Amino acid sequence: MPLPDFLIAGAPKAGTTALHSALARHPSLHMSAVKEPKYFLTDGPPPSRGGPGDARTYREHVWRSQDYLALFEGAPPGALTGESTPFYLYDREAQRRIHAVIPHARLIVVLRDPVERAHSNWTHLWSAGLEPLGDVVRACAREPRRIAAGWAPFWHYVSLGKYGEQLRDLYTLFPREQVHVFRYRDLVDTPAAPLDRICAFLGVEPGIISEVPRENVTAHPEATFTHRLLSGSLRAWSALPGRLGGTLAESLEGRLQQRARARRPLTWDQRSALIPFFAADIELLQQVTGEDFGDWVRPRERSGGLVGARPQGQRQARNGRPRDSGPG
């Protein structure tokens, strides 16, 4: 069974779920049924402990080689196969594993304003009842302690957005012609153009897919007493072994998000407090790519997620499971 021909390698909360679904509509591309298998993040079984909810996520890793290869078994003859694990760009060991196993793979990287990306990441975990801090700036400042305590990469709100360092290291392994980098905002504003460029990069016919579906839209529950109560219970239940804890936690997550508002935009005070976390890396990113990202250190005329308010009936995405295996 063949390994994938291409990978959506980064970044989390930059439209990769929607991009995965869009590319799956191209007849010459076959995307893995599990959107985020995380196969190259470990050399064997994933960790069993971490931050709130991490044990539940680790149980979803596709880490056995036979299970990973099986994700691409249904590909039509001649179709290119791909998967999407947006932590591959951030995880340097994953970069090296990919290069060792599939050195000719093509890598797709979506870059989102790192302040907005961090805010969306924090909101995702707040909405899921896992983030205990109700302020994104405080949560970002807490990151070094969380990393030292072994919390999983999805909690690394700041580090995940340091694309300059990540691409600099990636380019020591893969030639630039094997890496396609583009902006998240292009996917939002004019999706047909970046989708055509991706198709050209992969060598399949452009002009077939022109839209990205409304996927993984984050809600924003209010910081009420009920939210604190349910979130505390959810974090405790997520840590329970086996399926029972996950089932209980998923039930509570649904209650948390039932009447939640659409994700709120960042205030300028929040944005100005977060920009210093990324300023030096944005300079590095400009050197590495030769492109201007100066707009990322300025006020934004608009802010928010990929597609605005969450569609009716949609739940928060859990990417490490097949698309038809439950709410997500």
Protein backbone atom coordinates (compact mmCIF):
# COMPACT_ATOMS: atom_id res chain seq x y z
CA MET A 1 0.00 0.00 0.00
CA PRO A 2 1.46 3.38 -0.97
CA LEU A 3 2.20 6.27 1.36
CA PRO A 4 0.53 9.64 0.69
CA ASP A 5 1.75 11.80 -2.16
CA PHE A 6 1.11 15.07 -0.33
CA LEU A 7 0.39 16.43 3.13
CA ILE A 8 -1.36 19.51 4.45
CA ALA A 9 1.31 20.20 7.07
CA GLY A 10 0.21 23.40 8.79
CA ALA A 11 -0.96 25.42 10.49
CA PRO A 12 -3.67 24.56 13.06
CA LYS A 13 -6.71 26.87 13.00
CA ALA A 14 -5.78 28.10 9.54
CA GLY A 15 -8.55 26.50 7.52
CA THR A 16 -6.95 23.08 7.11
CA THR A 17 -10.17 21.20 7.92
CA ALA A 18 -12.06 23.13 5.25
CA LEU A 19 -9.17 22.74 2.80
CA HIS A 20 -9.08 18.97 3.39
CA SER A 21 -12.81 18.76 2.60
CA ALA A 22 -12.43 20.95 -0.50
CA LEU A 23 -9.59 18.89 -1.95
CA ALA A 24 -11.55 15.69 -1.28
CA ARG A 25 -14.04 16.91 -3.91
CA HIS A 26 -11.43 16.77 -6.69
CA PRO A 27 -11.74 13.52 -8.67
CA SER A 28 -7.97 13.20 -9.03
CA LEU A 29 -7.30 13.53 -5.30
CA HIS A 30 -8.06 11.07 -2.51
CA MET A 31 -7.98 12.47 1.02
CA SER A 32 -7.73 10.20 4.06
CA ALA A 33 -11.05 9.38 5.74
CA VAL A 34 -9.50 10.45 9.04
CA LYS A 35 -8.70 14.09 8.48
CA GLU A 36 -5.95 14.37 11.08
CA PRO A 37 -4.24 11.01 11.65
CA LYS A 38 -1.07 12.52 13.24
CA TYR A 39 0.92 9.49 12.14
CA PHE A 40 4.31 11.21 11.84
CA LEU A 41 4.07 12.90 15.25
CA THR A 42 5.43 9.81 17.03
CA ASP A 43 7.64 6.78 16.40
CA GLY A 44 5.16 4.56 18.21
CA PRO A 45 2.25 4.92 20.60
CA PRO A 46 1.42 8.52 21.53
CA PRO A 47 1.72 9.78 25.11
CA SER A 48 -1.06 8.88 27.50
CA ARG A 49 -1.04 12.04 29.62
CA GLY A 50 -0.88 15.80 29.11
CA GLY A 51 -3.09 18.82 29.57
CA PRO A 52 -6.90 18.84 29.87
CA GLY A 53 -8.43 16.54 27.27
CA ASP A 54 -5.07 15.49 25.82
CA ALA A 55 -5.45 11.83 26.80
CA ARG A 56 -8.69 11.69 24.82
CA THR A 57 -6.99 13.21 21.77
CA TYR A 58 -3.98 10.91 22.03
CA ARG A 59 -6.32 7.90 21.84
CA GLU A 60 -7.35 9.10 18.37
CA HIS A 61 -3.81 8.98 16.90
CA VAL A 62 -3.36 6.63 13.95
CA TRP A 63 0.12 5.44 14.91
CA ARG A 64 0.27 1.87 13.62
CA SER A 65 1.67 1.75 10.09
CA GLN A 66 -0.91 -0.74 8.81
CA ASP A 67 -3.75 1.48 10.05
CA TYR A 68 -2.18 4.55 8.48
CA LEU A 69 -1.66 2.89 5.10
CA ALA A 70 -5.25 1.63 5.20
CA LEU A 71 -6.45 5.25 5.13
CA PHE A 72 -5.45 5.43 1.46
CA GLU A 73 -6.68 2.01 0.32
CA GLY A 74 -9.81 3.34 -1.38
CA ALA A 75 -8.00 5.70 -3.73
CA PRO A 76 -9.14 5.42 -7.37
CA PRO A 77 -6.46 4.28 -9.82
CA GLY A 78 -4.14 7.16 -10.66
CA ALA A 79 -5.44 9.49 -7.93
CA LEU A 80 -2.97 11.29 -5.69
CA THR A 81 -3.40 10.57 -2.00
CA GLY A 82 -3.12 13.05 0.83
CA GLU A 83 -3.81 13.71 4.50
CA SER A 84 -3.93 16.75 6.75
CA THR A 85 -2.12 16.98 10.06
CA PRO A 86 -1.42 20.66 10.67
CA PHE A 87 1.10 19.94 13.46
CA TYR A 88 3.65 18.50 11.03
CA LEU A 89 5.05 21.96 10.28
CA TYR A 90 5.51 22.75 13.97
CA ASP A 91 6.94 19.39 15.06
CA ARG A 92 10.56 19.19 13.89
CA GLU A 93 10.76 15.46 14.56
CA ALA A 94 7.70 14.99 12.37
CA GLN A 95 9.42 16.97 9.62
CA ARG A 96 12.39 14.61 9.81
CA ARG A 97 10.21 11.49 9.88
CA ILE A 98 8.33 12.61 6.80
CA HIS A 99 11.57 13.33 4.96
CA ALA A 100 12.99 9.93 5.92
CA VAL A 101 9.91 7.98 4.76
CA ILE A 102 8.48 10.04 1.87
CA PRO A 103 11.20 12.51 0.82
CA HIS A 104 9.39 13.35 -2.42
CA ALA A 105 6.11 14.29 -0.71
CA ARG A 106 4.61 17.66 -1.53
CA LEU A 107 3.73 19.79 1.47
CA ILE A 108 0.97 22.40 1.67
CA VAL A 109 1.26 25.11 4.32
CA VAL A 110 -1.43 27.67 5.17
CA LEU A 111 -0.23 30.70 7.14
CA ARG A 112 -2.67 32.71 9.22
CA ASP A 113 -2.00 35.95 11.09
CA PRO A 114 -0.39 34.40 14.20
CA VAL A 115 -2.30 36.62 16.63
CA GLU A 116 -5.63 35.63 15.08
CA ARG A 117 -4.50 32.02 14.93
CA ALA A 118 -3.63 32.02 18.64
CA HIS A 119 -6.98 33.60 19.49
CA SER A 120 -8.88 31.06 17.38
CA ASN A 121 -6.89 28.22 18.99
CA TRP A 122 -7.68 29.52 22.49
CA THR A 123 -11.36 29.98 21.59
CA HIS A 124 -11.54 26.43 20.23
CA LEU A 125 -10.38 25.00 23.56
CA TRP A 126 -12.48 27.44 25.58
CA SER A 127 -15.53 26.44 23.55
CA ALA A 128 -14.69 22.78 24.13
CA GLY A 129 -14.65 23.39 27.90
CA LEU A 130 -10.95 22.49 28.17
CA GLU A 131 -9.26 25.91 28.52
CA PRO A 132 -9.43 26.99 32.18
CA LEU A 133 -8.33 30.60 31.56
CA GLY A 134 -10.98 32.96 30.24
CA ASP A 135 -8.50 35.46 28.77
CA VAL A 136 -6.39 34.73 25.70
CA VAL A 137 -3.52 37.03 26.74
CA ARG A 138 -3.16 35.30 30.11
CA ALA A 139 -3.37 31.91 28.42
CA CYS A 140 -0.54 32.81 26.02
CA ALA A 141 1.60 34.04 28.90
CA ARG A 142 1.04 30.70 30.66
CA GLU A 143 2.37 28.73 27.67
CA PRO A 144 5.95 28.04 28.88
CA ARG A 145 4.59 26.45 32.07
CA ARG A 146 2.17 24.33 30.08
CA ILE A 147 4.88 23.12 27.71
CA ALA A 148 7.10 22.24 30.66
CA ALA A 149 4.21 20.26 32.13
CA GLY A 150 3.86 18.22 28.93
CA TRP A 151 0.66 19.69 27.54
CA ALA A 152 0.07 18.70 23.90
CA PRO A 153 1.02 21.00 20.99
CA PHE A 154 -2.52 22.31 20.49
CA TRP A 155 -2.03 24.24 23.75
CA HIS A 156 1.06 25.99 22.32
CA TYR A 157 -0.84 29.07 21.19
CA VAL A 158 2.27 31.19 20.61
CA SER A 159 4.79 28.59 19.46
CA LEU A 160 2.45 27.20 16.79
CA GLY A 161 2.38 30.64 15.17
CA LYS A 162 6.14 31.04 14.79
CA TYR A 163 6.15 30.15 11.12
CA GLY A 164 9.50 31.75 10.35
CA GLU A 165 11.34 29.27 12.55
CA GLN A 166 9.23 26.37 11.29
CA LEU A 167 9.71 27.09 7.58
CA ARG A 168 13.41 27.84 8.05
CA ASP A 169 13.86 24.34 9.47
CA LEU A 170 11.56 22.70 6.92
CA TYR A 171 13.61 24.14 4.05
CA THR A 172 16.72 22.41 5.36
CA LEU A 173 14.97 19.11 4.59
CA PHE A 174 12.69 19.78 1.61
CA PRO A 175 13.44 21.89 -1.46
CA ARG A 176 11.20 24.91 -1.84
CA GLU A 177 9.61 23.54 -4.99
CA GLN A 178 8.08 20.75 -2.85
CA VAL A 179 6.49 23.22 -0.41
CA HIS A 180 3.49 25.37 -1.31
CA VAL A 181 2.90 28.25 1.11
CA PHE A 182 -0.10 30.57 0.94
CA ARG A 183 -2.19 32.81 3.15
CA TYR A 184 -5.30 31.79 5.02
CA ARG A 185 -6.93 35.10 4.16
CA ASP A 186 -6.72 34.22 0.45
CA LEU A 187 -8.67 31.05 1.19
CA VAL A 188 -11.32 33.18 2.87
CA ASP A 189 -11.56 36.00 0.33
CA THR A 190 -10.96 34.34 -3.04
CA PRO A 191 -10.92 30.56 -2.53
CA ALA A 192 -10.95 29.63 -6.22
CA ALA A 193 -7.52 31.19 -6.86
CA PRO A 194 -5.58 29.44 -4.06
CA LEU A 195 -7.37 26.16 -4.80
CA ASP A 196 -6.29 26.40 -8.44
CA ARG A 197 -2.71 27.11 -7.35
CA ILE A 198 -2.77 24.06 -5.07
CA CYS A 199 -4.05 21.90 -7.93
CA ALA A 200 -1.28 23.20 -10.19
CA PHE A 201 1.27 22.51 -7.44
CA LEU A 202 -0.01 18.93 -7.15
CA GLY A 203 -0.20 18.47 -10.92
CA VAL A 204 -3.95 17.91 -11.20
CA GLU A 205 -6.50 19.79 -13.26
CA PRO A 206 -7.43 23.26 -11.91
CA GLY A 207 -10.87 24.82 -12.21
CA ILE A 208 -12.75 21.87 -10.70
CA ILE A 209 -13.04 23.01 -7.08
CA SER A 210 -13.72 26.65 -6.29
CA GLU A 211 -15.19 26.75 -2.77
CA VAL A 212 -14.27 25.66 0.74
CA PRO A 213 -17.06 24.20 2.91
CA ARG A 214 -18.04 25.62 6.25
CA GLU A 215 -16.03 23.38 8.54
CA ASN A 216 -14.80 23.59 12.15
CA VAL A 217 -16.48 26.89 13.00
CA THR A 218 -15.78 27.85 16.61
CA ALA A 219 -18.47 29.12 18.94
CA HIS A 220 -17.83 31.24 22.05
CA PRO A 221 -19.70 30.25 25.24
CA GLU A 222 -20.15 32.96 27.85
CA ALA A 223 -17.98 32.85 30.98
CA THR A 224 -20.93 32.13 33.27
CA PHE A 225 -21.14 30.09 36.46
CA THR A 226 -22.74 27.29 34.42
CA HIS A 227 -19.84 27.37 31.96
CA ARG A 228 -17.31 27.10 34.80
CA LEU A 229 -19.23 24.23 36.36
CA LEU A 230 -19.65 22.27 33.13
CA SER A 231 -16.08 22.95 31.99
CA GLY A 232 -14.64 21.72 35.27
CA SER A 233 -16.65 18.51 35.02
CA LEU A 234 -15.68 18.08 31.37
CA ARG A 235 -11.96 18.42 32.13
CA ALA A 236 -12.25 15.84 34.89
CA TRP A 237 -14.21 13.39 32.76
CA SER A 238 -11.85 13.80 29.80
CA ALA A 239 -9.06 12.45 31.98
CA LEU A 240 -10.90 9.20 32.71
CA PRO A 241 -9.48 6.09 31.00
CA GLY A 242 -11.34 4.28 28.26
CA ARG A 243 -14.37 5.37 26.28
CA LEU A 244 -16.59 6.32 29.20
CA GLY A 245 -14.75 9.55 29.96
CA GLY A 246 -14.81 10.58 26.31
CA THR A 247 -18.53 9.86 25.99
CA LEU A 248 -19.35 11.88 29.10
CA ALA A 249 -17.09 14.74 28.02
CA GLU A 250 -18.62 14.87 24.54
CA SER A 251 -22.08 15.12 26.05
CA LEU A 252 -21.03 18.06 28.21
CA GLU A 253 -19.25 19.73 25.29
CA GLY A 254 -22.51 19.71 23.36
CA ARG A 255 -24.31 21.38 26.26
CA LEU A 256 -21.59 24.04 26.53
CA GLN A 257 -21.98 25.03 22.88
CA GLN A 258 -25.77 24.81 22.52
CA ARG A 259 -26.46 28.52 22.85
CA ALA A 260 -22.96 29.88 22.33
CA ARG A 261 -22.45 33.03 20.31
CA ALA A 262 -20.26 33.28 17.23
CA ARG A 263 -16.56 33.75 17.99
CA ARG A 264 -15.84 37.32 19.00
CA PRO A 265 -13.15 39.35 17.24
CA LEU A 266 -10.04 40.40 19.11
CA THR A 267 -9.99 43.87 20.62
CA TRP A 268 -7.08 46.16 19.74
CA ASP A 269 -5.91 46.00 23.37
CA GLN A 270 -5.72 42.21 23.12
CA ARG A 271 -4.06 42.32 19.73
CA SER A 272 -1.45 44.87 20.83
CA ALA A 273 -0.67 42.72 23.89
CA LEU A 274 -0.13 39.62 21.73
CA ILE A 275 1.85 41.08 18.81
CA PRO A 276 5.14 41.21 20.79
CA PHE A 277 5.02 37.42 21.15
CA PHE A 278 5.40 37.14 17.36
CA ALA A 279 7.17 40.28 16.10
CA ALA A 280 10.68 38.81 15.84
CA ASP A 281 9.45 35.67 14.10
CA ILE A 282 7.43 37.71 11.59
CA GLU A 283 10.71 39.44 10.67
CA LEU A 284 12.31 36.02 10.23
CA LEU A 285 9.36 34.80 8.15
CA GLN A 286 9.82 37.73 5.78
CA GLN A 287 13.50 36.84 5.39
CA VAL A 288 12.77 33.15 4.82
CA THR A 289 9.97 33.68 2.29
CA GLY A 290 10.92 37.03 0.73
CA GLU A 291 7.32 38.18 1.25
CA ASP A 292 5.86 41.05 3.23
CA PHE A 293 3.88 40.13 6.35
CA GLY A 294 3.95 43.59 7.88
CA ASP A 295 0.16 43.70 8.09
CA TRP A 296 0.40 41.15 10.90
CA VAL A 297 1.88 43.73 13.28
CA ARG A 298 -0.73 46.39 12.55
CA PRO A 299 -4.38 46.84 13.61
CA ARG A 300 -6.83 44.79 11.58
CA GLU A 301 -9.87 46.18 9.84
CA ARG A 302 -11.59 42.86 10.47
CA SER A 303 -10.96 39.79 12.49
CA GLY A 304 -12.55 36.43 12.92
CA GLY A 305 -12.80 32.90 11.64
CA LEU A 306 -13.01 31.34 8.24
CA VAL A 307 -16.73 31.44 7.69
CA GLY A 308 -18.37 33.48 10.45
CA ALA A 309 -21.21 32.04 12.54
CA ARG A 310 -21.38 28.29 13.02
CA PRO A 311 -23.86 26.51 10.73
CA GLN A 312 -27.01 25.21 12.44
CA GLY A 313 -26.43 21.84 14.08
CA GLN A 314 -22.65 21.79 13.56
CA ARG A 315 -20.43 20.69 16.45
CA GLN A 316 -16.80 21.46 17.17
CA ALA A 317 -14.57 19.34 14.94
CA ARG A 318 -12.71 16.37 16.33
CA ASN A 319 -10.32 15.71 13.49
CA GLY A 320 -8.76 12.43 14.55
CA ARG A 321 -11.67 10.24 13.52
CA PRO A 322 -13.46 9.35 10.28
CA ARG A 323 -15.75 12.00 8.90
CA ASP A 324 -18.86 9.86 9.26
CA SER A 325 -18.17 8.40 12.73
CA GLY A 326 -20.08 10.95 14.77
CA PRO A 327 -20.61 14.63 15.38
CA GLY A 328 -17.77 16.86 14.37
